[in-house]
Amino acid sequence: MLQSLTSYLKHIPQLVGVELLLDEGEALTANLAVVKRAGTKVHFVNGEYRLTSLESLSEHIPHGTPVALTIGGKGIIHRALAGAHDGDALKQVLPNAKVDDFYIQKVETEGNTFLSVARKKLVDDLIARMDRQGIKLLGVGLGPFAVTLFGAFVFDGNRDARLLGRHRFVLQAGKPVRYELQPADRHRPAGGVDIAGEQLNEHLVVAFATAFAAISDVTSVQLPIPPLQARSEEHRQHWMFKRCGVALIAFFFGLLLVNTFFFMHYSNQIADSGGSDVQAIQREIDALRKQASEREALLGGIWYADAPRWGMAHLADRLAVTVPEGVLLNDLSVYPKDEALSRKQGRPVHTPSMIRIKGTCTDMPLLNGWIKQIRDLSFCQSVKLEQYQFDGREGVGIFGLSLTLQP
């Protein structure tokens, strides 16, 4: 699925397939087919054939439209071989040739392999000439073998041979087994070919098949020419970026429309309920007043008078001075909260004349001595040991004291 999505995003919407047949000297014949892709469908737009110069070819290519090229004719050798590797096959065709001097293309059909060979200088010079004409090449192949993509439409199992313009395919059981290019001066009436509902002049079939393979991302053989491969990928990335940009703009525009809808919806609701807003504000004010009164009650419940006799900081400091070395305080609560009375009255209520102390001691006699010291403090009315237990694992006693203050 991801591969299909990537292929869709990177696909080229319009492309030109060009078949270039080289003849003696500088003579050439060019056939071109313009195709468009919409989603997963490819349509033939128009075509031209028997153009005789690169200048004329350039004039018939829509401005800015990329081109997939296939080259045939003089300087291009085609052989039907079986089961040979590129290096070995080249030796069978050109025994004294160096592999580095040639472009080699191998097209495999059912039971046959068509080997196409061309000098690199011939192909590279032709690419340079087309670049100077402003023709934007994305890929180059050799020969008419892209038509094998449409073998079911092109090759008739009842025929021994099939002519497509100047191309002659020898057939066995409807499969091409040999190929040859007819001379340029051999003219005959051109026939029509029906390819999946597309009616084409037979001179345009090779150009159409070349364009179809390139625009559909169908696996087809192209020469490994790095600059063209990089240009093709860059062109596809350009279209992918463009489509993703459009998709993002559409997404955020849709999000903006949704936000606008909700804004209008709730704006209307607020306009329709203006009176209820005043009531809601009044309820909020009442709630704040209640919170303020509860906090005043909290402060008032800590002591009996507005100015308590004993300040909390004073009490804590005096007690801290008396703590012996073997006693460790864990909690000191001055005016602790009365949990039972707080639940009963539904508000925080504090005990105004009490201090609760929790901690640990190393031995009981030390704790008893400290309790006597606390009783002698000026603000202490009484001290009560409410809790004591020995923690055998830690080796300390855990205690809880309650101290009643002088009125």
Protein backbone atom coordinates (compact mmCIF):
# COMPACT_ATOMS: atom_id res chain seq x y z
CA MET A 1 0.00 0.00 0.00
CA LEU A 2 2.82 2.40 0.91
CA GLN A 3 4.54 1.62 -2.37
CA SER A 4 1.34 2.34 -4.30
CA LEU A 5 0.87 5.63 -2.45
CA THR A 6 4.47 6.67 -3.13
CA SER A 7 4.07 5.73 -6.81
CA TYR A 8 0.92 7.85 -7.03
CA LEU A 9 2.52 10.86 -5.35
CA LYS A 10 5.62 10.69 -7.55
CA HIS A 11 3.93 9.99 -10.87
CA ILE A 12 4.42 12.37 -13.79
CA PRO A 13 1.07 13.68 -15.13
CA GLN A 14 2.18 14.09 -18.76
CA LEU A 15 5.07 12.61 -20.69
CA VAL A 16 6.25 12.26 -24.28
CA GLY A 17 7.57 8.99 -25.68
CA VAL A 18 10.00 9.44 -28.56
CA GLU A 19 11.30 6.81 -30.95
CA LEU A 20 14.41 7.99 -32.80
CA LEU A 21 15.59 5.97 -35.82
CA LEU A 22 19.09 6.88 -37.07
CA ASP A 23 19.84 6.61 -40.78
CA GLU A 24 22.87 7.29 -42.99
CA GLY A 25 24.84 10.44 -42.20
CA GLU A 26 22.87 12.89 -40.06
CA ALA A 27 19.50 11.65 -41.29
CA LEU A 28 16.98 10.50 -38.71
CA THR A 29 13.30 9.77 -38.30
CA ALA A 30 11.43 10.65 -35.12
CA ASN A 31 8.04 9.43 -33.94
CA LEU A 32 6.46 10.80 -30.75
CA ALA A 33 3.42 10.06 -28.61
CA VAL A 34 2.08 12.33 -25.86
CA VAL A 35 0.37 10.52 -22.96
CA LYS A 36 -1.34 11.69 -19.79
CA ARG A 37 -1.86 9.88 -16.51
CA ALA A 38 -4.90 10.45 -14.28
CA GLY A 39 -4.70 8.31 -11.16
CA THR A 40 -3.97 4.79 -12.42
CA LYS A 41 -5.16 5.36 -16.00
CA VAL A 42 -2.94 6.38 -18.92
CA HIS A 43 -4.44 8.01 -22.02
CA PHE A 44 -3.00 8.71 -25.46
CA VAL A 45 -3.29 12.44 -26.24
CA ASN A 46 -1.74 12.90 -29.68
CA GLY A 47 1.24 11.89 -31.76
CA GLU A 48 3.45 12.77 -34.73
CA TYR A 49 5.53 10.52 -36.94
CA ARG A 50 8.19 10.77 -39.65
CA LEU A 51 9.71 13.96 -38.26
CA THR A 52 13.15 14.41 -39.85
CA SER A 53 15.09 16.65 -37.44
CA LEU A 54 15.62 17.29 -33.76
CA GLU A 55 14.46 20.88 -34.30
CA SER A 56 11.12 19.67 -35.67
CA LEU A 57 10.87 17.13 -32.85
CA SER A 58 11.44 19.86 -30.24
CA GLU A 59 8.68 21.99 -31.73
CA HIS A 60 6.13 19.18 -31.35
CA ILE A 61 6.95 18.45 -27.69
CA PRO A 62 4.70 20.43 -25.27
CA HIS A 63 6.70 23.00 -23.35
CA GLY A 64 8.28 21.62 -20.16
CA THR A 65 7.06 18.07 -20.77
CA PRO A 66 9.69 15.40 -20.01
CA VAL A 67 10.67 12.79 -22.59
CA ALA A 68 11.37 9.05 -22.52
CA LEU A 69 13.53 8.09 -25.52
CA THR A 70 14.27 4.88 -27.37
CA ILE A 71 16.92 4.74 -30.10
CA GLY A 72 17.16 2.42 -33.09
CA GLY A 73 18.64 2.31 -36.57
CA LYS A 74 22.23 2.86 -37.63
CA GLY A 75 24.80 2.05 -34.96
CA ILE A 76 22.39 0.01 -32.85
CA ILE A 77 22.82 -3.78 -33.01
CA HIS A 78 20.09 -6.18 -31.94
CA ARG A 79 20.52 -9.93 -31.52
CA ALA A 80 18.24 -12.66 -30.23
CA LEU A 81 20.20 -14.77 -27.73
CA ALA A 82 19.32 -17.22 -25.02
CA GLY A 83 20.67 -17.44 -21.50
CA ALA A 84 23.81 -15.30 -21.92
CA HIS A 85 25.22 -12.71 -19.48
CA ASP A 86 25.98 -9.18 -20.67
CA GLY A 87 29.74 -9.65 -20.95
CA ASP A 88 29.58 -13.04 -22.66
CA ALA A 89 26.74 -11.90 -24.89
CA LEU A 90 28.70 -8.87 -26.08
CA LYS A 91 31.58 -11.14 -27.07
CA GLN A 92 29.18 -13.22 -29.17
CA VAL A 93 27.94 -10.09 -30.99
CA LEU A 94 31.21 -8.10 -31.12
CA PRO A 95 34.12 -10.47 -30.33
CA ASN A 96 36.78 -7.77 -30.01
CA ALA A 97 34.67 -5.13 -28.22
CA LYS A 98 35.39 -3.68 -24.80
CA VAL A 99 32.43 -3.70 -22.45
CA ASP A 100 33.31 -0.21 -21.14
CA ASP A 101 32.86 1.29 -24.62
CA PHE A 102 29.25 0.15 -25.07
CA TYR A 103 25.82 0.46 -23.58
CA ILE A 104 24.23 -2.97 -23.32
CA GLN A 105 20.51 -3.60 -22.96
CA LYS A 106 18.93 -6.98 -22.37
CA VAL A 107 15.16 -7.55 -22.76
CA GLU A 108 13.85 -10.94 -21.74
CA THR A 109 10.67 -12.34 -23.25
CA GLU A 110 9.18 -15.81 -22.86
CA GLY A 111 11.98 -18.13 -23.92
CA ASN A 112 14.01 -15.41 -25.69
CA THR A 113 16.45 -12.65 -24.85
CA PHE A 114 16.97 -9.64 -27.10
CA LEU A 115 20.38 -8.08 -26.69
CA SER A 116 20.85 -4.48 -27.88
CA VAL A 117 24.29 -2.85 -28.11
CA ALA A 118 25.30 0.76 -28.87
CA ARG A 119 28.51 2.71 -28.52
CA LYS A 120 28.44 5.04 -25.53
CA LYS A 121 29.80 7.91 -27.63
CA LEU A 122 26.91 7.59 -30.11
CA VAL A 123 24.27 7.68 -27.37
CA ASP A 124 25.97 10.36 -25.25
CA ASP A 125 26.42 12.66 -28.27
CA LEU A 126 22.77 12.24 -29.21
CA ILE A 127 21.69 13.05 -25.63
CA ALA A 128 23.86 16.20 -25.69
CA ARG A 129 22.29 17.31 -28.98
CA MET A 130 18.79 16.84 -27.59
CA ASP A 131 19.72 18.76 -24.41
CA ARG A 132 20.83 21.67 -26.58
CA GLN A 133 17.40 21.61 -28.22
CA GLY A 134 15.79 21.96 -24.78
CA ILE A 135 14.43 18.40 -24.79
CA LYS A 136 14.23 17.18 -21.18
CA LEU A 137 15.19 13.51 -21.26
CA LEU A 138 14.38 11.29 -18.27
CA GLY A 139 15.51 7.95 -19.71
CA VAL A 140 16.92 6.24 -22.79
CA GLY A 141 16.44 2.71 -24.12
CA LEU A 142 17.47 0.83 -27.25
CA GLY A 143 15.14 -0.66 -29.84
CA PRO A 144 11.37 -1.15 -30.02
CA PHE A 145 11.13 -3.78 -27.30
CA ALA A 146 8.87 -1.75 -25.02
CA VAL A 147 6.04 -3.04 -27.26
CA THR A 148 6.38 -6.41 -25.52
CA LEU A 149 4.34 -4.80 -22.70
CA PHE A 150 1.38 -4.98 -25.12
CA GLY A 151 2.22 -8.35 -26.67
CA ALA A 152 -1.36 -9.59 -26.24
CA PHE A 153 -2.63 -6.68 -28.38
CA VAL A 154 0.22 -6.39 -30.88
CA PHE A 155 1.37 -9.94 -31.63
CA ASP A 156 -1.15 -12.29 -33.26
CA GLY A 157 -0.63 -15.98 -32.57
CA ASN A 158 -1.86 -16.82 -36.09
CA ARG A 159 0.87 -14.80 -37.83
CA ASP A 160 4.49 -15.60 -38.57
CA ALA A 161 5.54 -11.93 -38.52
CA ARG A 162 4.32 -8.53 -37.38
CA LEU A 163 5.15 -5.16 -38.97
CA LEU A 164 4.94 -1.96 -36.93
CA GLY A 165 6.10 0.85 -39.17
CA ARG A 166 9.69 -0.11 -40.07
CA HIS A 167 9.94 -2.77 -37.35
CA ARG A 168 9.54 -6.41 -38.31
CA PHE A 169 9.12 -9.05 -35.59
CA VAL A 170 9.32 -12.75 -36.47
CA LEU A 171 6.85 -14.67 -34.33
CA GLN A 172 6.46 -18.18 -33.02
CA ALA A 173 3.22 -19.01 -31.26
CA GLY A 174 2.54 -15.28 -30.91
CA LYS A 175 5.94 -14.58 -29.28
CA PRO A 176 8.74 -12.51 -30.91
CA VAL A 177 11.84 -14.60 -31.62
CA ARG A 178 13.71 -12.33 -34.04
CA TYR A 179 13.71 -8.65 -34.97
CA GLU A 180 14.90 -6.55 -37.89
CA LEU A 181 14.56 -2.89 -38.94
CA GLN A 182 13.26 -2.29 -42.47
CA PRO A 183 15.01 0.27 -44.75
CA ALA A 184 13.78 3.85 -44.57
CA ASP A 185 12.85 3.94 -48.27
CA ARG A 186 10.46 0.99 -47.99
CA HIS A 187 7.08 2.64 -47.66
CA ARG A 188 3.72 0.96 -47.31
CA PRO A 189 0.31 2.08 -46.10
CA ALA A 190 0.30 2.44 -42.30
CA GLY A 191 -2.23 0.37 -40.42
CA GLY A 192 -3.94 0.94 -37.11
CA VAL A 193 -3.42 -0.89 -33.82
CA ASP A 194 -5.94 -1.20 -30.99
CA ILE A 195 -4.20 -1.26 -27.60
CA ALA A 196 -6.70 -1.64 -24.76
CA GLY A 197 -9.14 0.69 -26.47
CA GLU A 198 -6.53 3.22 -27.64
CA GLN A 199 -6.52 3.48 -31.46
CA LEU A 200 -2.97 4.16 -32.67
CA ASN A 201 -1.19 4.51 -35.98
CA GLU A 202 1.33 1.67 -36.15
CA HIS A 203 4.21 4.18 -36.47
CA LEU A 204 3.35 5.47 -32.97
CA VAL A 205 3.14 2.14 -31.15
CA VAL A 206 6.81 2.05 -30.08
CA ALA A 207 6.75 5.68 -28.90
CA PHE A 208 3.47 5.07 -27.02
CA ALA A 209 4.83 1.91 -25.34
CA THR A 210 7.99 3.78 -24.30
CA ALA A 211 5.95 6.61 -22.80
CA PHE A 212 3.52 4.19 -21.13
CA ALA A 213 6.32 2.30 -19.38
CA ALA A 214 7.91 5.51 -18.09
CA ILE A 215 4.74 7.25 -16.88
CA SER A 216 3.24 4.10 -15.31
CA ASP A 217 6.36 3.14 -13.34
CA VAL A 218 6.22 -0.23 -15.09
CA THR A 219 9.52 -2.08 -14.88
CA SER A 220 11.21 -1.58 -18.21
CA VAL A 221 14.77 -1.71 -19.43
CA GLN A 222 16.60 1.61 -19.67
CA LEU A 223 20.27 2.34 -20.08
CA PRO A 224 22.12 3.06 -16.81
CA ILE A 225 23.02 6.69 -17.50
CA PRO A 226 23.50 8.39 -14.08
CA PRO A 227 22.67 12.00 -15.10
CA LEU A 228 19.35 10.89 -16.62
CA GLN A 229 18.53 8.65 -13.67
CA ALA A 230 19.18 11.55 -11.27
CA ARG A 231 17.09 13.91 -13.42
CA SER A 232 14.21 11.43 -13.50
CA GLU A 233 14.21 10.99 -9.73
CA GLU A 234 14.44 14.75 -9.18
CA HIS A 235 11.48 15.31 -11.50
CA ARG A 236 9.38 12.72 -9.67
CA GLN A 237 10.36 14.15 -6.27
CA HIS A 238 9.25 17.57 -7.55
CA TRP A 239 5.76 16.23 -8.30
CA MET A 240 5.64 14.39 -4.98
CA PHE A 241 6.50 17.59 -3.10
CA LYS A 242 3.93 19.54 -5.11
CA ARG A 243 1.13 17.03 -4.42
CA CYS A 244 2.01 16.81 -0.71
CA GLY A 245 1.94 20.61 -0.53
CA VAL A 246 -1.51 20.71 -2.09
CA ALA A 247 -2.70 17.98 0.30
CA LEU A 248 -1.40 19.91 3.32
CA ILE A 249 -3.03 23.13 2.16
CA ALA A 250 -6.32 21.26 1.68
CA PHE A 251 -5.99 19.68 5.14
CA PHE A 252 -5.38 22.97 6.95
CA PHE A 253 -8.09 24.69 4.94
CA GLY A 254 -10.51 21.96 5.99
CA LEU A 255 -9.36 22.35 9.60
CA LEU A 256 -9.97 26.09 9.34
CA LEU A 257 -13.49 25.46 8.04
CA VAL A 258 -14.22 23.09 10.94
CA ASN A 259 -12.94 25.65 13.45
CA THR A 260 -15.06 28.33 11.81
CA PHE A 261 -18.14 26.11 12.02
CA PHE A 262 -17.65 25.42 15.73
CA PHE A 263 -16.93 29.09 16.42
CA MET A 264 -20.15 30.16 14.70
CA HIS A 265 -22.11 27.37 16.40
CA TYR A 266 -21.01 28.28 19.92
CA SER A 267 -21.22 32.01 19.23
CA ASN A 268 -24.90 31.53 18.40
CA GLN A 269 -25.39 29.50 21.55
CA ILE A 270 -23.78 32.24 23.67
CA ALA A 271 -25.89 34.92 22.00
CA ASP A 272 -29.03 32.89 22.71
CA SER A 273 -28.17 32.42 26.37
CA GLY A 274 -27.08 35.93 27.40
CA GLY A 275 -29.36 35.96 30.47
CA SER A 276 -28.01 32.66 31.76
CA ASP A 277 -24.49 34.09 31.63
CA VAL A 278 -25.42 36.73 34.25
CA GLN A 279 -26.76 33.97 36.48
CA ALA A 280 -23.60 31.95 36.03
CA ILE A 281 -21.46 34.97 37.00
CA GLN A 282 -23.62 35.52 40.12
CA ARG A 283 -23.20 31.86 41.10
CA GLU A 284 -19.44 32.23 40.71
CA ILE A 285 -19.43 35.33 42.95
CA ASP A 286 -21.47 33.48 45.61
CA ALA A 287 -19.03 30.57 45.51
CA LEU A 288 -16.08 32.93 46.00
CA ARG A 289 -17.79 34.59 48.95
CA LYS A 290 -18.42 31.21 50.54
CA GLN A 291 -14.75 30.26 50.13
CA ALA A 292 -13.69 33.55 51.75
CA SER A 293 -16.01 33.03 54.74
CA GLU A 294 -14.72 29.47 55.20
CA ARG A 295 -11.14 30.73 55.27
CA GLU A 296 -12.06 33.38 57.86
CA ALA A 297 -13.69 30.64 59.96
CA LEU A 298 -10.52 28.55 59.57
CA LEU A 299 -8.34 31.32 60.94
CA GLY A 300 -10.84 32.10 63.69
CA GLY A 301 -10.98 28.49 64.83
CA ILE A 302 -7.27 28.23 65.51
CA TRP A 303 -7.49 30.22 68.75
CA TYR A 304 -10.02 31.81 71.02
CA ALA A 305 -8.97 35.42 70.65
CA ASP A 306 -7.78 37.53 67.76
CA ALA A 307 -4.28 37.73 69.34
CA PRO A 308 -3.26 34.32 70.83
CA ARG A 309 -1.16 34.36 73.94
CA TRP A 310 1.43 32.02 72.51
CA GLY A 311 2.83 32.55 69.03
CA MET A 312 3.43 29.37 67.03
CA ALA A 313 7.04 30.32 66.17
CA HIS A 314 7.75 31.02 69.87
CA LEU A 315 6.38 27.63 70.92
CA ALA A 316 8.30 25.73 68.26
CA ASP A 317 11.60 27.45 69.09
CA ARG A 318 11.29 26.82 72.83
CA LEU A 319 10.51 23.14 72.29
CA ALA A 320 13.36 22.70 69.81
CA VAL A 321 15.90 24.01 72.35
CA THR A 322 14.93 21.30 74.85
CA VAL A 323 15.18 18.29 72.48
CA PRO A 324 17.99 15.99 73.76
CA GLU A 325 20.47 14.29 71.43
CA GLY A 326 18.81 10.86 71.51
CA VAL A 327 15.37 12.18 70.54
CA LEU A 328 14.41 12.78 66.88
CA LEU A 329 11.20 14.71 66.07
CA ASN A 330 9.22 13.60 63.01
CA ASP A 331 6.16 15.85 63.40
CA LEU A 332 5.34 18.98 65.43
CA SER A 333 1.72 20.19 65.06
CA VAL A 334 0.89 23.49 66.79
CA TYR A 335 -2.89 23.98 67.13
CA PRO A 336 -3.61 20.64 65.32
CA LYS A 337 -6.76 20.03 63.34
CA ASP A 338 -9.64 18.34 65.19
CA GLU A 339 -10.72 15.76 62.60
CA ALA A 340 -13.93 14.68 64.35
CA LEU A 341 -15.18 18.23 64.99
CA SER A 342 -14.21 19.30 61.45
CA ARG A 343 -16.32 16.52 59.94
CA LYS A 344 -19.22 17.35 62.22
CA GLN A 345 -19.27 21.08 61.44
CA GLY A 346 -18.33 20.69 57.80
CA ARG A 347 -15.39 23.09 58.07
CA PRO A 348 -11.81 22.98 59.37
CA VAL A 349 -11.70 23.26 63.18
CA HIS A 350 -8.38 23.44 65.07
CA THR A 351 -7.59 22.74 68.71
CA PRO A 352 -6.39 26.12 70.03
CA SER A 353 -4.55 25.05 73.18
CA MET A 354 -2.68 21.92 72.13
CA ILE A 355 0.56 20.78 70.52
CA ARG A 356 1.08 17.25 69.17
CA ILE A 357 4.61 15.85 68.91
CA LYS A 358 5.67 12.64 67.14
CA GLY A 359 9.17 11.21 66.96
CA THR A 360 11.65 8.48 67.96
CA CYS A 361 14.03 8.00 70.90
CA THR A 362 16.91 5.69 71.68
CA ASP A 363 15.62 4.69 75.14
CA MET A 364 12.67 5.26 77.43
CA PRO A 365 14.51 6.97 80.36
CA LEU A 366 15.78 9.62 77.94
CA LEU A 367 12.20 10.28 76.75
CA ASN A 368 10.92 10.52 80.34
CA GLY A 369 13.61 13.05 81.18
CA TRP A 370 12.66 15.20 78.17
CA ILE A 371 8.95 15.05 79.15
CA LYS A 372 9.90 16.47 82.58
CA GLN A 373 11.79 19.31 80.87
CA ILE A 374 8.71 20.13 78.76
CA ARG A 375 6.49 20.29 81.89
CA ASP A 376 8.77 23.00 83.29
CA LEU A 377 8.25 25.31 80.28
CA SER A 378 6.23 28.45 81.04
CA PHE A 379 3.56 27.83 78.44
CA CYS A 380 3.01 24.15 79.32
CA GLN A 381 0.06 23.15 81.46
CA SER A 382 0.41 19.38 81.04
CA VAL A 383 2.15 16.71 78.93
CA LYS A 384 0.67 13.31 78.10
CA LEU A 385 2.38 10.32 76.46
CA GLU A 386 -0.38 9.13 74.11
CA GLN A 387 1.57 6.46 72.21
CA TYR A 388 4.76 4.45 72.60
CA GLN A 389 6.02 1.33 70.83
CA PHE A 390 9.45 -0.16 70.29
CA ASP A 391 10.67 -0.83 66.72
CA GLY A 392 12.90 -3.87 67.09
CA ARG A 393 14.20 -3.73 63.51
CA GLU A 394 15.35 -0.08 63.81
CA GLY A 395 16.14 -0.31 67.54
CA VAL A 396 14.23 2.86 68.49
CA GLY A 397 11.09 3.75 70.37
CA ILE A 398 8.27 5.47 68.49
CA PHE A 399 6.30 7.93 70.62
CA GLY A 400 3.47 10.44 70.42
CA LEU A 401 2.98 13.30 72.93
CA SER A 402 0.15 15.78 73.46
CA LEU A 403 0.99 19.07 75.16
CA THR A 404 -1.75 21.29 76.67
CA LEU A 405 -0.95 25.03 76.74
CA GLN A 406 -1.53 27.43 79.58
CA PRO A 407 -4.73 29.44 79.05
